[in-house]
Amino acid sequence: MQPDLDYLQTTRLYRPGRRTPAVTRPSDCWAPAVTGLLAAGYSFLPCSFADGYLFRGMDTGLGAALAAGSYGWFDGADELAAVEQAMGVYFLSSEPADAISVARLASHPADAAVLAIPANLFDRRLEAGAAAVLAIGDGGLVFRYPLITAPVPALEVSCLFVASDTAAAMVPAAWRERLVNLGTGTRRELEDRLAAALHGRGMHPARPVPAKKPTLATANGGKA
């Protein structure tokens, strides 16, 4: 799948760049979505993640994902939901607060969730060329956008966080041990409850580290 550059050009943060990436691994070793972004001039960081968990927020589509047995695209209100479809990728984050924001758990929790996914899923896919870390600049800062090029299988999700009884009721009994209902609250309250739930389960966000194997880098030598 090639990126929808016409749509991406209309966005402020996610427009194609003008840099020529330095590829330290043959381009045919990468999934088509990644090579398409490379060709369009997007920048990447030679980054991986050490232990811990990555997170994915979805503000709608929980019921459909549970029925399908995998977590893919969803028609969310956040621009990022449209951007990842235009790029042909699925974004993750090492920051639970980012996932809560995308999921809009504080204001739109009925069919929303935050997934906690082992960092080694990202690392395995990175090694296979089916994951990367996109570099997005905003206000002079560069932010990491970990991405994968295929949906997350349900069996790879370690914990599923929801914020309403309606969403919790969708979850099959077999998933109950992995389900945490954070309840209603402000965004800050939900962030605190999610952090406490992670701590109680011996879980923590993954740390970004330099990639162990040759990966993608920007032309000026991006750093993890």
Protein backbone atom coordinates (compact mmCIF):
# COMPACT_ATOMS: atom_id res chain seq x y z
CA MET A 1 0.00 0.00 0.00
CA GLN A 2 1.34 3.40 -1.00
CA PRO A 3 0.76 6.45 1.23
CA ASP A 4 -2.12 8.77 0.32
CA LEU A 5 0.12 11.80 -0.19
CA ASP A 6 -2.75 14.01 -1.36
CA TYR A 7 -4.39 13.70 2.05
CA LEU A 8 -1.15 13.90 4.01
CA GLN A 9 -0.23 17.16 2.27
CA THR A 10 -3.36 18.74 3.80
CA THR A 11 -2.20 18.07 7.37
CA ARG A 12 0.03 20.39 9.39
CA LEU A 13 2.21 17.93 11.28
CA TYR A 14 2.24 14.94 8.98
CA ARG A 15 3.15 16.36 5.58
CA PRO A 16 5.89 14.56 3.63
CA GLY A 17 9.38 15.89 4.27
CA ARG A 18 12.11 16.91 1.89
CA ARG A 19 14.98 14.93 3.37
CA THR A 20 16.57 12.01 1.59
CA PRO A 21 16.81 9.26 4.23
CA ALA A 22 20.00 7.30 4.60
CA VAL A 23 18.92 3.67 4.48
CA THR A 24 21.34 1.44 6.36
CA ARG A 25 19.47 -1.68 5.36
CA PRO A 26 18.33 -2.54 1.79
CA SER A 27 14.97 -0.94 1.03
CA ASP A 28 13.52 -4.25 -0.15
CA CYS A 29 13.89 -5.53 3.43
CA TRP A 30 11.14 -3.16 4.57
CA ALA A 31 7.38 -3.54 4.33
CA PRO A 32 5.79 -1.62 1.43
CA ALA A 33 4.23 0.95 3.76
CA VAL A 34 7.68 1.87 5.13
CA THR A 35 9.34 2.04 1.72
CA GLY A 36 6.48 4.24 0.52
CA LEU A 37 7.05 6.66 3.38
CA LEU A 38 10.80 6.63 2.72
CA ALA A 39 10.23 7.45 -0.94
CA ALA A 40 7.90 10.31 0.06
CA GLY A 41 10.67 11.91 2.14
CA TYR A 42 9.59 11.05 5.68
CA SER A 43 12.30 10.86 8.33
CA PHE A 44 12.89 7.96 10.71
CA LEU A 45 14.91 7.34 13.85
CA PRO A 46 17.21 4.31 14.41
CA CYS A 47 15.28 3.41 17.52
CA SER A 48 13.95 0.35 19.29
CA PHE A 49 12.36 -0.22 22.73
CA ALA A 50 13.71 -2.05 25.78
CA ASP A 51 11.40 -4.33 27.75
CA GLY A 52 8.18 -2.84 29.11
CA TYR A 53 5.07 -2.04 27.10
CA LEU A 54 3.89 0.15 24.25
CA PHE A 55 0.35 1.51 24.07
CA ARG A 56 -2.30 2.07 21.45
CA GLY A 57 -5.43 4.15 21.94
CA MET A 58 -8.65 3.74 19.99
CA ASP A 59 -11.66 5.96 20.54
CA THR A 60 -14.09 3.66 18.75
CA GLY A 61 -14.21 0.17 17.31
CA LEU A 62 -13.53 -1.89 20.44
CA GLY A 63 -16.48 -4.20 19.81
CA ALA A 64 -15.49 -4.74 16.18
CA ALA A 65 -11.87 -5.44 17.14
CA LEU A 66 -12.89 -8.00 19.76
CA ALA A 67 -15.07 -9.75 17.19
CA ALA A 68 -12.30 -9.72 14.59
CA GLY A 69 -9.62 -10.92 16.99
CA SER A 70 -7.23 -8.11 16.04
CA TYR A 71 -6.84 -4.38 16.58
CA GLY A 72 -6.44 -2.44 13.38
CA TRP A 73 -7.70 0.87 12.02
CA PHE A 74 -10.72 2.63 13.46
CA ASP A 75 -12.72 5.65 12.33
CA GLY A 76 -11.68 7.90 15.19
CA ALA A 77 -12.26 11.62 15.57
CA ASP A 78 -8.56 12.34 16.13
CA GLU A 79 -6.63 13.34 12.99
CA LEU A 80 -4.09 10.65 13.81
CA ALA A 81 -6.65 7.95 13.00
CA ALA A 82 -6.96 9.28 9.44
CA VAL A 83 -3.20 9.85 9.13
CA GLU A 84 -2.28 6.27 9.96
CA GLN A 85 -4.76 4.99 7.38
CA ALA A 86 -3.32 7.38 4.79
CA MET A 87 0.19 6.13 5.64
CA GLY A 88 -0.86 2.48 5.77
CA VAL A 89 0.50 1.98 9.31
CA TYR A 90 -0.63 1.57 12.93
CA PHE A 91 0.83 3.91 15.54
CA LEU A 92 1.93 2.91 19.02
CA SER A 93 3.34 5.02 21.86
CA SER A 94 5.63 4.52 24.82
CA GLU A 95 3.55 7.13 26.69
CA PRO A 96 0.25 5.89 28.19
CA ALA A 97 -1.01 9.49 28.35
CA ASP A 98 -0.76 9.76 24.55
CA ALA A 99 -2.90 6.65 24.14
CA ILE A 100 -5.48 7.97 26.61
CA SER A 101 -5.65 11.21 24.64
CA VAL A 102 -6.18 9.42 21.30
CA ALA A 103 -8.80 7.15 22.89
CA ARG A 104 -10.64 10.13 24.41
CA LEU A 105 -11.38 7.96 27.44
CA ALA A 106 -12.44 10.94 29.55
CA SER A 107 -15.16 12.08 27.14
CA HIS A 108 -16.01 9.24 24.75
CA PRO A 109 -15.53 5.91 26.54
CA ALA A 110 -18.40 3.72 25.32
CA ASP A 111 -16.51 1.91 22.52
CA ALA A 112 -12.95 3.02 23.35
CA ALA A 113 -9.90 1.34 24.84
CA VAL A 114 -6.17 1.59 25.45
CA LEU A 115 -4.09 -1.49 24.66
CA ALA A 116 -0.86 -2.42 26.42
CA ILE A 117 1.39 -4.39 24.07
CA PRO A 118 4.77 -5.98 24.91
CA ALA A 119 7.65 -4.01 23.44
CA ASN A 120 9.07 -7.22 22.01
CA LEU A 121 6.20 -7.26 19.48
CA PHE A 122 7.62 -4.03 18.07
CA ASP A 123 11.18 -5.36 18.19
CA ARG A 124 10.23 -8.58 16.38
CA ARG A 125 8.52 -6.62 13.66
CA LEU A 126 11.39 -4.14 13.44
CA GLU A 127 13.76 -7.03 12.80
CA ALA A 128 11.41 -8.24 10.05
CA GLY A 129 11.18 -4.76 8.48
CA ALA A 130 7.52 -4.37 9.50
CA ALA A 131 8.01 -1.65 12.14
CA ALA A 132 9.87 1.65 12.38
CA VAL A 133 10.00 4.88 14.35
CA LEU A 134 8.78 7.89 12.40
CA ALA A 135 10.25 11.29 13.32
CA ILE A 136 7.72 14.12 13.43
CA GLY A 137 8.86 17.67 14.11
CA ASP A 138 6.74 20.28 15.86
CA GLY A 139 7.91 23.63 17.21
CA GLY A 140 11.57 22.71 16.93
CA LEU A 141 11.12 19.40 18.76
CA VAL A 142 11.26 15.95 17.22
CA PHE A 143 8.82 13.33 18.49
CA ARG A 144 9.00 9.55 18.14
CA TYR A 145 6.08 7.82 16.45
CA PRO A 146 6.58 4.03 16.68
CA LEU A 147 4.60 2.31 13.96
CA ILE A 148 3.86 -1.20 12.78
CA THR A 149 2.56 -2.22 9.38
CA ALA A 150 -0.04 -4.82 10.36
CA PRO A 151 -2.78 -4.93 13.02
CA VAL A 152 -2.13 -6.13 16.57
CA PRO A 153 -3.47 -9.67 17.13
CA ALA A 154 -5.70 -9.94 20.18
CA LEU A 155 -3.43 -12.59 21.70
CA GLU A 156 -0.52 -10.10 21.70
CA VAL A 157 -2.40 -7.62 23.93
CA SER A 158 -1.33 -7.98 27.57
CA CYS A 159 -3.85 -5.60 29.07
CA LEU A 160 -6.96 -3.81 27.85
CA PHE A 161 -7.97 -0.58 29.62
CA VAL A 162 -11.50 0.81 29.27
CA ALA A 163 -13.34 3.58 31.08
CA SER A 164 -16.98 2.56 31.09
CA ASP A 165 -19.19 -0.38 32.06
CA THR A 166 -20.51 -0.35 28.47
CA ALA A 167 -17.05 -1.04 27.05
CA ALA A 168 -16.23 -3.56 29.78
CA ALA A 169 -19.40 -5.51 28.99
CA MET A 170 -18.19 -6.09 25.42
CA VAL A 171 -15.14 -8.00 26.60
CA PRO A 172 -15.53 -11.80 26.53
CA ALA A 173 -15.05 -13.77 29.73
CA ALA A 174 -11.77 -15.20 28.42
CA TRP A 175 -10.36 -11.66 28.41
CA ARG A 176 -11.44 -10.67 31.91
CA GLU A 177 -8.04 -11.24 33.49
CA ARG A 178 -6.54 -8.79 31.01
CA LEU A 179 -9.31 -6.19 31.41
CA VAL A 180 -9.03 -3.09 33.62
CA ASN A 181 -12.06 -0.81 33.88
CA LEU A 182 -10.65 2.58 34.92
CA GLY A 183 -14.11 4.05 35.47
CA THR A 184 -15.19 7.57 34.62
CA GLY A 185 -13.04 10.57 35.44
CA THR A 186 -10.96 13.41 34.11
CA ARG A 187 -8.04 12.75 31.82
CA ARG A 188 -5.59 13.25 34.69
CA GLU A 189 -7.56 10.88 36.93
CA LEU A 190 -7.56 8.23 34.20
CA GLU A 191 -3.81 8.69 33.65
CA ASP A 192 -3.20 8.20 37.38
CA ARG A 193 -5.45 5.13 37.55
CA LEU A 194 -3.83 3.56 34.51
CA ALA A 195 -0.36 4.18 35.97
CA ALA A 196 -1.46 2.60 39.25
CA ALA A 197 -2.92 -0.40 37.40
CA LEU A 198 0.32 -0.90 35.49
CA HIS A 199 2.31 -0.71 38.71
CA GLY A 200 0.00 -3.21 40.39
CA ARG A 201 0.59 -5.68 37.58
CA GLY A 202 4.35 -5.18 37.54
CA MET A 203 4.17 -3.46 34.14
CA HIS A 204 5.87 -0.28 32.97
CA PRO A 205 6.23 1.74 29.74
CA ALA A 206 9.01 0.66 27.40
CA ARG A 207 12.21 2.72 27.14
CA PRO A 208 13.42 3.97 23.75
CA VAL A 209 16.94 2.72 22.99
CA PRO A 210 19.21 2.69 19.93
CA ALA A 211 18.22 -0.08 17.56
CA LYS A 212 20.35 -3.21 17.92
CA LYS A 213 20.34 -3.97 14.20
CA PRO A 214 20.67 -1.80 11.08
CA THR A 215 17.51 0.21 10.64
CA LEU A 216 16.33 3.52 9.23
CA ALA A 217 17.98 6.86 9.88
CA THR A 218 17.47 10.38 8.61
CA ALA A 219 20.00 11.88 6.27
CA ASN A 220 21.53 13.91 9.10
CA GLY A 221 21.88 10.86 11.35
CA GLY A 222 18.83 10.69 13.60
CA LYS A 223 19.37 9.62 17.19
CA ALA A 224 17.08 7.45 19.31
